[in-house]
Amino acid sequence: MAKLEDIGRILSPNSRNASGNRKELTAVERAAILAGRMAGVLATQLAREFDCTTRTIQRTLIRFNNHQTVESRPRSGRPKKRPKKVTKAGQNKDLGLDGGPF
């Protein structure tokens, strides 16, 4: 049977970005954290195995309890640019939807 430390290394081998900051936990990592806590593994041990802080483990558990999912939530921020209005002739040249051969 695989040790918890091996599972953490398998799931998060590239845990830091170029600037040295921790990348966002994946849904699989979050699920493994939840499974570990339900199995009685201490938050400090999980943090060590997933190369994150105990606060990250706590936030993961709280977010799961609040939202019942391990998936990332949508980010707030500037909305996507809307396409321009369709002209009278039904053409929209900005999107390349002008009915041409391509």
C-alpha atoms as a PDB file:
ATOM      1  CA  MET A   1       0.000   0.000   0.000  1.00  0.00           C
ATOM      2  CA  ALA A   2       1.288   3.468  -0.901  1.00  0.00           C
ATOM      3  CA  LYS A   3       2.332   5.784   1.891  1.00  0.00           C
ATOM      4  CA  LEU A   4       0.638   9.144   2.218  1.00  0.00           C
ATOM      5  CA  GLU A   5       3.912  10.940   1.460  1.00  0.00           C
ATOM      6  CA  ASP A   6       4.194   9.033  -1.834  1.00  0.00           C
ATOM      7  CA  ILE A   7       0.642  10.000  -2.795  1.00  0.00           C
ATOM      8  CA  GLY A   8       1.393  13.670  -2.104  1.00  0.00           C
ATOM      9  CA  ARG A   9       4.489  13.546  -4.300  1.00  0.00           C
ATOM     10  CA  ILE A  10       2.656  11.770  -7.102  1.00  0.00           C
ATOM     11  CA  LEU A  11      -0.255  14.218  -7.090  1.00  0.00           C
ATOM     12  CA  SER A  12       1.758  17.423  -6.799  1.00  0.00           C
ATOM     13  CA  PRO A  13       5.230  16.904  -8.274  1.00  0.00           C
ATOM     14  CA  ASN A  14       5.530  20.460  -9.663  1.00  0.00           C
ATOM     15  CA  SER A  15       4.101  22.376  -6.776  1.00  0.00           C
ATOM     16  CA  ARG A  16       5.876  25.708  -7.310  1.00  0.00           C
ATOM     17  CA  ASN A  17       5.736  28.179 -10.188  1.00  0.00           C
ATOM     18  CA  ALA A  18       8.710  30.108 -11.578  1.00  0.00           C
ATOM     19  CA  SER A  19       8.514  32.829  -8.910  1.00  0.00           C
ATOM     20  CA  GLY A  20       8.592  30.221  -6.133  1.00  0.00           C
ATOM     21  CA  ASN A  21       4.952  30.578  -5.104  1.00  0.00           C
ATOM     22  CA  ARG A  22       2.691  27.581  -4.582  1.00  0.00           C
ATOM     23  CA  LYS A  23       0.391  26.793  -7.467  1.00  0.00           C
ATOM     24  CA  GLU A  24      -3.321  26.288  -6.870  1.00  0.00           C
ATOM     25  CA  LEU A  25      -4.256  22.842  -5.610  1.00  0.00           C
ATOM     26  CA  THR A  26      -5.852  20.651  -8.252  1.00  0.00           C
ATOM     27  CA  ALA A  27      -9.227  19.015  -7.735  1.00  0.00           C
ATOM     28  CA  VAL A  28      -7.464  15.654  -7.322  1.00  0.00           C
ATOM     29  CA  GLU A  29      -5.182  17.083  -4.627  1.00  0.00           C
ATOM     30  CA  ARG A  30      -8.171  18.595  -2.807  1.00  0.00           C
ATOM     31  CA  ALA A  31      -9.985  15.252  -2.933  1.00  0.00           C
ATOM     32  CA  ALA A  32      -6.896  13.481  -1.567  1.00  0.00           C
ATOM     33  CA  ILE A  33      -6.686  16.026   1.264  1.00  0.00           C
ATOM     34  CA  LEU A  34     -10.331  15.435   2.140  1.00  0.00           C
ATOM     35  CA  ALA A  35      -9.851  11.672   2.039  1.00  0.00           C
ATOM     36  CA  GLY A  36      -6.776  11.950   4.230  1.00  0.00           C
ATOM     37  CA  ARG A  37      -8.562  14.044   6.841  1.00  0.00           C
ATOM     38  CA  MET A  38     -11.542  11.679   6.862  1.00  0.00           C
ATOM     39  CA  ALA A  39      -9.070   8.829   7.420  1.00  0.00           C
ATOM     40  CA  GLY A  40      -7.720  10.671  10.456  1.00  0.00           C
ATOM     41  CA  VAL A  41      -4.468  12.051   9.058  1.00  0.00           C
ATOM     42  CA  LEU A  42      -3.372  15.227  10.835  1.00  0.00           C
ATOM     43  CA  ALA A  43      -3.502  18.523   8.942  1.00  0.00           C
ATOM     44  CA  THR A  44       0.182  19.123   9.659  1.00  0.00           C
ATOM     45  CA  GLN A  45       1.121  15.817   8.033  1.00  0.00           C
ATOM     46  CA  LEU A  46      -1.087  16.548   5.006  1.00  0.00           C
ATOM     47  CA  ALA A  47       0.479  19.994   4.667  1.00  0.00           C
ATOM     48  CA  ARG A  48       3.932  18.458   4.711  1.00  0.00           C
ATOM     49  CA  GLU A  49       3.012  15.851   2.094  1.00  0.00           C
ATOM     50  CA  PHE A  50       1.314  18.314  -0.274  1.00  0.00           C
ATOM     51  CA  ASP A  51       3.949  21.023   0.205  1.00  0.00           C
ATOM     52  CA  CYS A  52       1.511  23.623   1.521  1.00  0.00           C
ATOM     53  CA  THR A  53       0.585  25.222   4.832  1.00  0.00           C
ATOM     54  CA  THR A  54      -1.787  23.866   7.431  1.00  0.00           C
ATOM     55  CA  ARG A  55      -3.929  26.931   6.724  1.00  0.00           C
ATOM     56  CA  THR A  56      -4.294  25.736   3.110  1.00  0.00           C
ATOM     57  CA  ILE A  57      -5.506  22.372   4.410  1.00  0.00           C
ATOM     58  CA  GLN A  58      -7.994  24.128   6.713  1.00  0.00           C
ATOM     59  CA  ARG A  59      -9.258  26.387   3.894  1.00  0.00           C
ATOM     60  CA  THR A  60      -9.684  23.347   1.631  1.00  0.00           C
ATOM     61  CA  LEU A  61     -11.831  21.632   4.244  1.00  0.00           C
ATOM     62  CA  ILE A  62     -13.881  24.781   4.913  1.00  0.00           C
ATOM     63  CA  ARG A  63     -14.472  25.389   1.202  1.00  0.00           C
ATOM     64  CA  PHE A  64     -15.607  21.815   0.719  1.00  0.00           C
ATOM     65  CA  ASN A  65     -18.007  22.091   3.662  1.00  0.00           C
ATOM     66  CA  ASN A  66     -19.434  25.357   2.284  1.00  0.00           C
ATOM     67  CA  HIS A  67     -19.665  24.454  -1.416  1.00  0.00           C
ATOM     68  CA  GLN A  68     -19.701  20.632  -1.479  1.00  0.00           C
ATOM     69  CA  THR A  69     -17.206  20.468  -4.340  1.00  0.00           C
ATOM     70  CA  VAL A  70     -13.460  20.165  -4.848  1.00  0.00           C
ATOM     71  CA  GLU A  71     -13.550  22.022  -8.170  1.00  0.00           C
ATOM     72  CA  SER A  72     -12.221  25.562  -8.505  1.00  0.00           C
ATOM     73  CA  ARG A  73     -14.809  28.314  -8.360  1.00  0.00           C
ATOM     74  CA  PRO A  74     -15.068  30.954 -11.087  1.00  0.00           C
ATOM     75  CA  ARG A  75     -12.816  33.945 -10.627  1.00  0.00           C
ATOM     76  CA  SER A  76     -14.111  37.449 -10.309  1.00  0.00           C
ATOM     77  CA  GLY A  77     -12.635  39.982 -12.643  1.00  0.00           C
ATOM     78  CA  ARG A  78     -13.109  41.706 -15.906  1.00  0.00           C
ATOM     79  CA  PRO A  79     -15.696  39.936 -18.065  1.00  0.00           C
ATOM     80  CA  LYS A  80     -14.816  38.579 -21.480  1.00  0.00           C
ATOM     81  CA  LYS A  81     -15.045  41.027 -24.346  1.00  0.00           C
ATOM     82  CA  ARG A  82     -18.429  40.860 -26.039  1.00  0.00           C
ATOM     83  CA  PRO A  83     -18.593  40.576 -29.836  1.00  0.00           C
ATOM     84  CA  LYS A  84     -19.801  43.577 -31.796  1.00  0.00           C
ATOM     85  CA  LYS A  85     -23.430  43.760 -32.835  1.00  0.00           C
ATOM     86  CA  VAL A  86     -24.528  42.040 -36.008  1.00  0.00           C
ATOM     87  CA  THR A  87     -25.073  44.423 -38.909  1.00  0.00           C
ATOM     88  CA  LYS A  88     -28.259  44.706 -40.952  1.00  0.00           C
ATOM     89  CA  ALA A  89     -26.929  42.329 -43.567  1.00  0.00           C
ATOM     90  CA  GLY A  90     -26.337  39.693 -40.874  1.00  0.00           C
ATOM     91  CA  GLN A  91     -22.582  39.970 -41.164  1.00  0.00           C
ATOM     92  CA  ASN A  92     -20.114  40.250 -38.382  1.00  0.00           C
ATOM     93  CA  LYS A  93     -16.695  40.926 -39.834  1.00  0.00           C
ATOM     94  CA  ASP A  94     -14.991  41.258 -36.449  1.00  0.00           C
ATOM     95  CA  LEU A  95     -15.624  37.601 -35.672  1.00  0.00           C
ATOM     96  CA  GLY A  96     -14.967  36.347 -39.178  1.00  0.00           C
ATOM     97  CA  LEU A  97     -18.603  35.319 -39.535  1.00  0.00           C
ATOM     98  CA  ASP A  98     -19.251  37.253 -42.726  1.00  0.00           C
ATOM     99  CA  GLY A  99     -20.409  34.242 -44.719  1.00  0.00           C
ATOM    100  CA  GLY A 100     -17.238  34.148 -46.820  1.00  0.00           C
ATOM    101  CA  PRO A 101     -15.631  30.979 -48.189  1.00  0.00           C
ATOM    102  CA  PHE A 102     -13.520  30.402 -45.065  1.00  0.00           C
END
